[in-house]
Amino acid sequence: MKSLCCAYPGSYAEGSSSLGFHFVLTCGGTDSSVGERSRTIKMDRIFVPFDFRTAKEGRGEFSFRTMDFKRTIGTFQGLFFSVAYEMQILSLLGMLKSCGINVFSKKRGRHDPLIVVGGACTLSNPELFVPFADAVVVGEGEGVLEEIIRMLNGGVEKEEIIRQLRRINRVITEENDIDKLKERKNVLQDFSPVSSAYVTPFSVFKDMFLVEMMRGCPHSCEFCIMSSKGNWGRVRYVDEKIVLDTIPSWVKRVGLVGASVLDHPGIETILEKLADAGLQVGVSSMRAKKLDERKAHLLAKCGLKVATVALDAPSERIRVRIRKPGSFDDVINAAKNAKRAGIKKMRLYCLAGFDGETQRDYEELKDFCRAISEILPVHLLVSPVVPKRFTPLEKMEFMPEDKWQNFVRFLKTSIKGSRITCKIGSWREAKMEHIFAHLKVKDAELLPEL
């Protein structure tokens, strides 16, 4: 096999918690074992060790070598980047520059690695990566990555691989391919669920085996790139037997991954089987209306301590406008069901900055959180909404900083003396994400200067 490397432009903890990263690893096939409790994988791995500025200033060691075989990324035939969100483009460029690889694909030679970029971020703005990648795989990578790896293993020249990839409408190899974005209609109906290639106590979800339960989403929230209104958002559920058969016998903790896990038609069967096996279970954000007494009991039996629900807007009025399903009454009922089942806390996600928001909406959020806190302690996480491309809100103005700061001051004052804790997202980081999410190819070419 030719030498292949999977790169994550973030920390080891983040990358080890990304199913996109694990998907790329398993596309490389199985062979020699890596250090963690794992399937055996052939690809080497590399992550960002620490902040590039510290390295540039000469503080601490700065050696970009792979985790498993201690090689520099310039020595590989194929380099696969899994990118989760827009700001990681800076880390990607830093990784290339630090190892002496020209960041611009047009300036690299035939002996440089074939650089392929994929991941969730390509659904939002693939143009961000076009100047730097030899190929950008947009959306689902099944079939495409295996074909690239097959050609690399077969000794096909880099230029020929790129030429053949131009025929695939999910792959962008140059600026002229951008029109392919209009053809985002081919989603996979049959696919094997992505799951963890390895499990480690140093991931964000410590010692947790992740398994995909669904793709897309049955709902049509207007701010979300996985909305059912878009082609990539069409929901497809993995059969419950396949989900259960994917989990190895040695696993103790399981993370069920999907945009709306409790909407899965077999969720009760899955939870019952996992509870009977004595496994701890974590789930991504839940739809409140689906957290009935039965599901809450099963989740508590599987060791769930915190119920996570996405409000996604500060008031009922805004939620209706952005087509977010469910009501505040649904969340109240979910909190009551969670408490009766023995779940200890509720985590609420909220976005702010939608068109037409007023102080009245923020007052409603405050009153609602206080009502929930009378049932269960609340941990509220708030961030500015980032309007993304390919969503109905892509042309919405980003929330001005003064309005955001006024909202934050009001929120912090309002929760004093209550059973509510609050984590505030960074306006500046969200603003940068918004800028990056809308960059065109010509603008992205300026990023190496950052």
Protein backbone atom coordinates (compact mmCIF):
# COMPACT_ATOMS: atom_id res chain seq x y z
CA MET A 1 0.00 0.00 0.00
CA LYS A 2 1.16 3.53 -0.79
CA SER A 3 1.63 5.76 2.24
CA LEU A 4 -1.52 7.61 3.26
CA CYS A 5 -2.17 10.09 6.05
CA CYS A 6 -5.40 11.43 7.53
CA ALA A 7 -5.00 14.96 8.91
CA TYR A 8 -7.27 16.82 11.29
CA PRO A 9 -6.68 20.60 11.50
CA GLY A 10 -7.49 20.67 15.20
CA SER A 11 -6.52 18.94 18.43
CA TYR A 12 -6.28 15.21 19.03
CA ALA A 13 -9.28 15.42 21.39
CA GLU A 14 -11.43 17.10 18.74
CA GLY A 15 -10.32 14.90 15.86
CA SER A 16 -10.84 11.73 17.85
CA SER A 17 -14.44 12.85 18.44
CA SER A 18 -15.14 13.53 14.74
CA LEU A 19 -16.91 10.80 12.79
CA GLY A 20 -15.75 12.45 9.57
CA PHE A 21 -12.15 11.88 10.63
CA HIS A 22 -12.88 8.26 11.59
CA PHE A 23 -14.60 7.70 8.24
CA VAL A 24 -11.46 8.68 6.34
CA LEU A 25 -9.33 6.40 8.51
CA THR A 26 -11.51 3.37 7.84
CA CYS A 27 -11.57 4.09 4.09
CA GLY A 28 -7.88 3.25 4.12
CA GLY A 29 -8.64 -0.35 5.04
CA THR A 30 -7.43 -2.45 7.95
CA ASP A 31 -4.00 -3.82 8.66
CA SER A 32 -1.48 -2.91 11.35
CA SER A 33 -2.81 -1.77 14.73
CA VAL A 34 -2.62 1.70 16.22
CA GLY A 35 -2.08 2.40 19.90
CA GLU A 36 -5.63 2.90 21.16
CA ARG A 37 -8.35 0.28 21.60
CA SER A 38 -9.25 0.07 17.94
CA ARG A 39 -9.94 -1.65 14.76
CA THR A 40 -6.65 -1.95 12.93
CA ILE A 41 -6.07 0.82 10.40
CA LYS A 42 -3.52 1.49 7.70
CA MET A 43 -3.53 5.27 7.56
CA ASP A 44 -1.20 7.37 9.66
CA ARG A 45 -2.68 10.32 11.59
CA ILE A 46 -1.69 13.89 12.33
CA PHE A 47 -3.27 16.65 14.43
CA VAL A 48 -2.47 20.24 15.35
CA PRO A 49 -0.19 20.11 18.42
CA PHE A 50 -0.63 23.71 19.57
CA ASP A 51 -1.10 27.31 18.50
CA PHE A 52 0.94 28.33 15.45
CA ARG A 53 1.84 31.71 16.94
CA THR A 54 3.67 30.11 19.86
CA ALA A 55 5.63 27.99 17.44
CA LYS A 56 6.53 30.96 15.27
CA GLU A 57 7.79 32.83 18.32
CA GLY A 58 10.03 29.91 19.20
CA ARG A 59 8.29 28.86 22.41
CA GLY A 60 8.22 25.10 22.85
CA GLU A 61 8.94 22.31 20.38
CA PHE A 62 7.31 22.55 16.98
CA SER A 63 7.56 19.31 15.06
CA PHE A 64 4.74 18.38 12.72
CA ARG A 65 5.24 14.64 12.60
CA THR A 66 2.54 12.03 12.35
CA MET A 67 1.23 10.35 15.45
CA ASP A 68 1.84 6.72 14.55
CA PHE A 69 5.01 6.58 12.46
CA LYS A 70 6.61 9.99 13.17
CA ARG A 71 6.81 11.11 9.55
CA THR A 72 6.35 14.58 8.05
CA ILE A 73 3.27 14.98 5.90
CA GLY A 74 5.31 15.91 2.84
CA THR A 75 6.55 12.31 2.59
CA PHE A 76 3.08 10.82 1.93
CA GLN A 77 1.52 10.04 -1.45
CA GLY A 78 -1.98 10.95 -0.22
CA LEU A 79 -2.94 13.48 2.43
CA PHE A 80 -6.62 13.56 3.44
CA PHE A 81 -7.92 16.52 5.48
CA SER A 82 -11.20 16.17 7.38
CA VAL A 83 -12.48 19.70 8.08
CA ALA A 84 -15.39 20.27 10.47
CA TYR A 85 -15.84 24.06 10.35
CA GLU A 86 -14.58 27.11 8.48
CA MET A 87 -11.97 28.45 10.91
CA GLN A 88 -9.96 25.22 10.57
CA ILE A 89 -8.78 26.41 7.15
CA LEU A 90 -6.11 28.48 8.93
CA SER A 91 -4.77 25.42 10.75
CA LEU A 92 -4.81 23.45 7.48
CA LEU A 93 -2.72 26.10 5.75
CA GLY A 94 -0.38 26.32 8.74
CA MET A 95 0.18 22.55 8.69
CA LEU A 96 1.17 22.67 5.01
CA LYS A 97 3.45 25.69 5.37
CA SER A 98 5.18 24.32 8.46
CA CYS A 99 6.18 21.20 6.55
CA GLY A 100 7.41 23.03 3.49
CA ILE A 101 4.46 22.16 1.24
CA ASN A 102 3.29 24.99 -1.02
CA VAL A 103 -0.24 25.89 0.05
CA PHE A 104 -1.44 26.55 -3.51
CA SER A 105 -2.30 23.41 -5.47
CA LYS A 106 -1.25 25.01 -8.80
CA LYS A 107 2.27 25.57 -7.46
CA ARG A 108 2.82 22.02 -6.21
CA GLY A 109 4.64 19.43 -8.28
CA ARG A 110 3.98 15.84 -9.25
CA HIS A 111 6.04 14.55 -6.31
CA ASP A 112 4.08 16.50 -3.70
CA PRO A 113 1.27 14.66 -1.90
CA LEU A 114 -2.18 14.47 -3.45
CA ILE A 115 -4.17 16.69 -1.05
CA VAL A 116 -7.87 15.91 -0.65
CA VAL A 117 -10.25 17.92 1.56
CA GLY A 118 -13.62 16.68 2.81
CA GLY A 119 -15.78 16.93 5.89
CA ALA A 120 -18.87 18.75 7.13
CA CYS A 121 -17.47 22.17 6.18
CA THR A 122 -17.65 21.33 2.47
CA LEU A 123 -21.46 21.41 2.71
CA SER A 124 -21.28 25.07 3.72
CA ASN A 125 -18.47 26.55 1.63
CA PRO A 126 -16.29 24.25 -0.49
CA GLU A 127 -14.89 27.29 -2.33
CA LEU A 128 -12.81 28.02 0.76
CA PHE A 129 -10.55 25.05 -0.05
CA VAL A 130 -10.38 25.15 -3.87
CA PRO A 131 -7.12 27.14 -4.14
CA PHE A 132 -5.31 24.77 -1.79
CA ALA A 133 -6.65 21.24 -2.35
CA ASP A 134 -6.10 19.04 -5.38
CA ALA A 135 -9.64 17.79 -4.82
CA VAL A 136 -12.54 18.86 -2.59
CA VAL A 137 -15.07 16.11 -1.89
CA VAL A 138 -18.42 17.78 -1.21
CA GLY A 139 -20.77 15.96 1.13
CA GLU A 140 -20.80 12.18 1.41
CA GLY A 141 -17.43 10.62 0.64
CA GLU A 142 -18.39 6.97 0.15
CA GLY A 143 -17.21 5.64 -3.16
CA VAL A 144 -15.06 8.69 -3.89
CA LEU A 145 -12.40 8.23 -1.20
CA GLU A 146 -12.16 4.49 -1.83
CA GLU A 147 -11.59 5.21 -5.53
CA ILE A 148 -8.85 7.76 -4.76
CA ILE A 149 -7.12 5.29 -2.43
CA ARG A 150 -7.43 2.52 -5.04
CA MET A 151 -5.74 4.71 -7.66
CA LEU A 152 -2.97 5.74 -5.27
CA ASN A 153 -2.33 2.11 -4.34
CA GLY A 154 -2.32 1.16 -8.01
CA GLY A 155 0.45 3.61 -8.84
CA VAL A 156 -1.73 6.00 -10.88
CA GLU A 157 0.02 9.33 -11.39
CA LYS A 158 -1.25 12.31 -9.42
CA GLU A 159 -2.26 14.27 -12.53
CA GLU A 160 -4.26 11.31 -13.85
CA ILE A 161 -6.07 10.90 -10.54
CA ILE A 162 -7.11 14.56 -10.61
CA ARG A 163 -8.25 14.21 -14.24
CA GLN A 164 -10.44 11.22 -13.38
CA LEU A 165 -11.90 12.99 -10.33
CA ARG A 166 -13.15 15.84 -12.53
CA ARG A 167 -15.80 13.45 -13.85
CA ILE A 168 -17.44 13.09 -10.43
CA ASN A 169 -20.02 15.77 -9.64
CA ARG A 170 -19.30 15.56 -5.89
CA VAL A 171 -15.65 16.50 -6.45
CA ILE A 172 -14.23 19.98 -7.18
CA THR A 173 -10.70 20.11 -8.59
CA GLU A 174 -10.59 23.69 -9.87
CA GLU A 175 -12.57 26.92 -9.86
CA ASN A 176 -14.42 25.97 -13.05
CA ASP A 177 -15.96 23.03 -11.18
CA ILE A 178 -17.91 25.32 -8.83
CA ASP A 179 -20.98 24.97 -11.06
CA LYS A 180 -21.17 21.39 -9.83
CA LEU A 181 -22.60 22.77 -6.60
CA LYS A 182 -25.89 23.20 -8.45
CA GLU A 183 -26.00 19.43 -8.93
CA ARG A 184 -26.08 18.49 -5.23
CA LYS A 185 -28.83 15.95 -5.79
CA ASN A 186 -27.18 12.58 -5.43
CA VAL A 187 -27.30 11.43 -1.82
CA LEU A 188 -26.61 7.83 -0.91
CA GLN A 189 -29.64 5.72 -0.14
CA ASP A 190 -27.68 2.67 1.01
CA PHE A 191 -24.63 3.19 3.19
CA SER A 192 -22.92 1.56 6.13
CA PRO A 193 -23.04 3.68 9.29
CA VAL A 194 -19.80 5.47 10.11
CA SER A 195 -18.38 4.51 13.49
CA SER A 196 -15.24 5.02 15.55
CA ALA A 197 -12.02 3.59 14.16
CA TYR A 198 -10.54 3.78 17.66
CA VAL A 199 -11.57 4.74 21.20
CA THR A 200 -9.45 6.84 23.53
CA PRO A 201 -9.85 8.43 26.98
CA PHE A 202 -8.35 11.63 25.54
CA SER A 203 -11.16 12.45 23.12
CA VAL A 204 -13.84 15.04 23.90
CA PHE A 205 -16.22 12.09 24.51
CA LYS A 206 -13.91 10.09 26.76
CA ASP A 207 -13.70 6.35 25.95
CA MET A 208 -16.89 6.59 23.89
CA PHE A 209 -17.52 4.52 20.75
CA LEU A 210 -19.46 6.68 18.26
CA VAL A 211 -21.91 5.23 15.76
CA GLU A 212 -23.98 6.97 13.11
CA MET A 213 -27.75 6.42 13.39
CA MET A 214 -29.02 8.63 10.58
CA ARG A 215 -28.05 11.06 7.85
CA GLY A 216 -29.86 14.27 7.11
CA CYS A 217 -32.74 15.52 9.22
CA PRO A 218 -36.54 15.19 9.04
CA HIS A 219 -36.96 18.88 9.94
CA SER A 220 -36.51 22.07 7.92
CA CYS A 221 -34.87 24.63 10.25
CA GLU A 222 -33.89 27.53 8.01
CA PHE A 223 -30.47 28.19 9.57
CA CYS A 224 -29.17 24.61 9.21
CA ILE A 225 -27.16 23.17 6.32
CA MET A 226 -28.66 19.75 7.14
CA SER A 227 -32.23 21.02 6.75
CA SER A 228 -34.56 18.59 4.99
CA LYS A 229 -35.28 21.43 2.53
CA GLY A 230 -31.82 20.94 1.04
CA ASN A 231 -30.70 17.94 -1.00
CA TRP A 232 -28.03 16.87 1.48
CA GLY A 233 -30.52 17.04 4.34
CA ARG A 234 -32.85 14.29 3.12
CA VAL A 235 -33.21 11.98 6.09
CA ARG A 236 -32.09 8.35 5.93
CA TYR A 237 -32.20 6.15 9.02
CA VAL A 238 -29.82 3.27 9.73
CA ASP A 239 -31.68 0.08 10.64
CA GLU A 240 -31.55 -0.56 14.40
CA LYS A 241 -30.06 -4.05 13.93
CA ILE A 242 -27.20 -2.60 11.87
CA VAL A 243 -26.58 0.09 14.51
CA LEU A 244 -26.39 -2.53 17.26
CA ASP A 245 -24.26 -4.97 15.20
CA THR A 246 -21.75 -2.17 14.54
CA ILE A 247 -20.90 -1.81 18.24
CA PRO A 248 -17.94 -4.07 19.27
CA SER A 249 -18.32 -6.37 22.27
CA TRP A 250 -15.56 -4.62 24.25
CA VAL A 251 -17.24 -1.20 24.19
CA LYS A 252 -18.49 0.22 27.51
CA ARG A 253 -19.73 3.66 26.37
CA VAL A 254 -21.66 4.39 23.17
CA GLY A 255 -22.41 7.73 21.51
CA LEU A 256 -25.43 7.74 19.17
CA VAL A 257 -24.84 10.32 16.46
CA GLY A 258 -27.42 12.05 14.29
CA ALA A 259 -29.11 15.38 13.67
CA SER A 260 -32.25 14.31 15.55
CA VAL A 261 -31.54 11.02 17.29
CA LEU A 262 -34.86 10.61 19.10
CA ASP A 263 -36.70 10.78 15.76
CA HIS A 264 -35.14 7.45 14.76
CA PRO A 265 -38.03 4.94 14.41
CA GLY A 266 -36.04 2.26 16.26
CA ILE A 267 -34.61 4.41 19.04
CA GLU A 268 -36.49 2.63 21.85
CA THR A 269 -35.29 -0.78 20.67
CA ILE A 270 -31.72 0.48 20.47
CA LEU A 271 -31.83 2.03 23.94
CA GLU A 272 -33.44 -1.08 25.44
CA LYS A 273 -30.72 -3.34 24.02
CA LEU A 274 -27.92 -1.04 25.15
CA ALA A 275 -29.44 -0.71 28.63
CA ASP A 276 -29.80 -4.50 28.94
CA ALA A 277 -26.12 -4.85 27.97
CA GLY A 278 -25.15 -2.43 30.76
CA LEU A 279 -23.70 0.16 28.38
CA GLN A 280 -23.55 3.88 29.06
CA VAL A 281 -25.07 5.97 26.29
CA GLY A 282 -24.57 9.53 25.14
CA VAL A 283 -26.77 11.23 22.55
CA SER A 284 -26.36 14.40 20.55
CA SER A 285 -28.96 17.14 20.83
CA MET A 286 -32.50 15.84 21.34
CA ARG A 287 -35.78 17.12 20.03
CA ALA A 288 -37.76 18.00 23.17
CA LYS A 289 -41.12 16.74 21.89
CA LYS A 290 -39.64 13.25 21.48
CA LEU A 291 -38.29 13.05 25.05
CA ASP A 292 -41.34 11.28 26.49
CA GLU A 293 -41.41 9.32 29.75
CA ARG A 294 -40.38 6.04 28.12
CA LYS A 295 -37.34 7.43 26.31
CA ALA A 296 -36.29 9.48 29.33
CA HIS A 297 -36.43 6.34 31.49
CA LEU A 298 -34.35 4.35 28.99
CA LEU A 299 -31.77 7.13 28.68
CA ALA A 300 -31.46 7.39 32.45
CA LYS A 301 -31.08 3.61 32.64
CA CYS A 302 -28.19 4.00 30.17
CA GLY A 303 -26.50 6.45 32.54
CA LEU A 304 -27.49 9.75 30.93
CA LYS A 305 -27.18 12.56 33.49
CA VAL A 306 -27.74 15.66 31.30
CA ALA A 307 -30.53 16.11 28.75
CA THR A 308 -29.42 18.34 25.88
CA VAL A 309 -32.06 20.26 23.93
CA ALA A 310 -31.52 22.89 21.23
CA LEU A 311 -33.83 25.89 21.56
CA ASP A 312 -32.06 27.53 18.60
CA ALA A 313 -33.92 30.84 19.09
CA PRO A 314 -34.69 33.06 22.07
CA SER A 315 -38.49 33.11 21.66
CA GLU A 316 -41.45 31.18 20.33
CA ARG A 317 -42.07 33.89 17.72
CA ILE A 318 -38.59 33.56 16.22
CA ARG A 319 -38.70 29.77 16.38
CA VAL A 320 -41.86 29.73 14.26
CA ARG A 321 -40.26 32.11 11.77
CA ILE A 322 -37.17 29.90 11.27
CA ARG A 323 -39.27 26.71 11.12
CA LYS A 324 -37.72 25.19 14.25
CA PRO A 325 -40.10 22.39 15.28
CA GLY A 326 -41.55 22.14 18.76
CA SER A 327 -42.57 24.66 21.39
CA PHE A 328 -41.43 25.84 24.81
CA ASP A 329 -44.19 23.68 26.30
CA ASP A 330 -42.46 20.68 24.71
CA VAL A 331 -39.24 21.61 26.54
CA ILE A 332 -41.09 22.02 29.83
CA ASN A 333 -42.63 18.56 29.44
CA ALA A 334 -39.23 17.11 28.45
CA ALA A 335 -37.69 18.58 31.60
CA LYS A 336 -40.41 17.04 33.75
CA ASN A 337 -39.97 13.65 32.08
CA ALA A 338 -36.20 13.88 32.53
CA LYS A 339 -36.52 14.71 36.22
CA ARG A 340 -38.94 11.84 36.87
CA ALA A 341 -36.47 9.47 35.16
CA GLY A 342 -33.58 10.62 37.37
CA ILE A 343 -31.74 12.85 34.87
CA LYS A 344 -30.00 15.59 36.85
CA LYS A 345 -29.61 18.61 34.56
CA MET A 346 -30.81 20.17 31.32
CA ARG A 347 -28.42 21.72 28.81
CA LEU A 348 -30.01 24.25 26.44
CA TYR A 349 -28.46 25.60 23.23
CA CYS A 350 -29.68 28.96 21.97
CA LEU A 351 -28.72 31.11 18.98
CA ALA A 352 -29.32 34.87 18.87
CA GLY A 353 -29.17 37.38 16.04
CA PHE A 354 -32.09 36.39 13.81
CA ASP A 355 -33.86 39.10 11.83
CA GLY A 356 -36.47 40.97 13.84
CA GLU A 357 -35.27 40.06 17.34
CA THR A 358 -36.20 42.55 20.05
CA GLN A 359 -35.79 42.91 23.80
CA ARG A 360 -39.15 41.18 24.16
CA ASP A 361 -37.64 37.98 22.72
CA TYR A 362 -34.76 38.10 25.22
CA GLU A 363 -37.19 38.63 28.10
CA GLU A 364 -39.02 35.51 26.97
CA LEU A 365 -35.78 33.52 26.94
CA LYS A 366 -35.01 34.67 30.48
CA ASP A 367 -38.48 33.79 31.78
CA PHE A 368 -38.37 30.42 30.05
CA CYS A 369 -34.95 29.46 31.44
CA ARG A 370 -36.07 30.40 34.93
CA ALA A 371 -39.17 28.22 34.51
CA ILE A 372 -37.03 25.25 33.44
CA SER A 373 -34.60 25.85 36.32
CA GLU A 374 -37.46 25.31 38.78
CA ILE A 375 -37.64 21.75 37.43
CA LEU A 376 -33.95 21.00 36.77
CA PRO A 377 -30.72 23.01 36.97
CA VAL A 378 -30.03 24.62 33.58
CA HIS A 379 -26.76 25.08 31.70
CA LEU A 380 -27.44 27.58 28.90
CA LEU A 381 -25.06 27.93 25.95
CA VAL A 382 -25.66 30.96 23.71
CA SER A 383 -23.89 31.95 20.50
CA PRO A 384 -24.50 34.34 17.60
CA VAL A 385 -26.24 32.65 14.69
CA VAL A 386 -23.95 32.32 11.65
CA PRO A 387 -25.97 32.51 8.41
CA LYS A 388 -24.52 29.80 6.14
CA ARG A 389 -24.54 29.41 2.38
CA PHE A 390 -27.06 27.02 0.86
CA THR A 391 -29.59 27.80 3.60
CA PRO A 392 -32.65 30.11 3.41
CA LEU A 393 -30.88 32.52 5.78
CA GLU A 394 -27.63 32.85 3.83
CA LYS A 395 -28.24 36.53 2.99
CA MET A 396 -29.25 37.50 6.53
CA GLU A 397 -27.09 40.19 8.14
CA PHE A 398 -24.75 39.03 10.91
CA MET A 399 -25.70 40.34 14.37
CA PRO A 400 -23.94 43.68 15.15
CA GLU A 401 -21.50 43.51 18.04
CA ASP A 402 -23.20 46.20 20.14
CA LYS A 403 -26.53 44.36 19.97
CA TRP A 404 -24.81 41.11 20.94
CA GLN A 405 -23.06 42.72 23.92
CA ASN A 406 -26.33 44.26 25.11
CA PHE A 407 -27.99 40.86 24.92
CA VAL A 408 -25.15 39.22 26.86
CA ARG A 409 -25.23 41.87 29.60
CA PHE A 410 -28.98 41.45 29.98
CA LEU A 411 -28.67 37.66 30.12
CA LYS A 412 -25.90 37.64 32.72
CA THR A 413 -27.83 40.05 34.94
CA SER A 414 -31.06 38.08 34.54
CA ILE A 415 -29.71 34.71 35.71
CA LYS A 416 -28.03 35.89 38.90
CA GLY A 417 -29.27 34.04 41.96
CA SER A 418 -30.92 31.26 39.93
CA ARG A 419 -30.11 27.63 39.14
CA ILE A 420 -28.89 28.71 35.71
CA THR A 421 -25.29 28.72 34.55
CA CYS A 422 -24.40 30.29 31.24
CA LYS A 423 -21.62 29.89 28.68
CA ILE A 424 -21.30 32.72 26.17
CA GLY A 425 -19.94 32.11 22.68
CA SER A 426 -17.41 34.48 21.12
CA TRP A 427 -18.88 37.14 18.85
CA ARG A 428 -15.52 37.69 17.14
CA GLU A 429 -15.02 34.01 16.35
CA ALA A 430 -18.58 33.76 15.04
CA LYS A 431 -18.02 36.87 12.90
CA MET A 432 -14.86 35.35 11.40
CA GLU A 433 -16.73 32.11 10.75
CA HIS A 434 -19.41 34.11 8.95
CA ILE A 435 -16.80 35.82 6.78
CA PHE A 436 -15.06 32.55 5.95
CA ALA A 437 -18.38 30.81 5.25
CA HIS A 438 -19.07 33.29 2.43
CA LEU A 439 -15.62 33.65 0.86
CA LYS A 440 -15.33 32.99 -2.85
CA VAL A 441 -12.30 31.33 -4.43
CA LYS A 442 -10.51 34.61 -5.25
CA ASP A 443 -10.94 35.85 -1.67
CA ALA A 444 -9.80 32.52 -0.20
CA GLU A 445 -6.51 32.88 -2.09
CA LEU A 446 -5.60 35.73 0.28
CA LEU A 447 -5.89 33.54 3.40
CA PRO A 448 -2.23 32.34 3.51
CA GLU A 449 -1.31 35.90 4.47
CA LEU A 450 -3.20 35.37 7.75
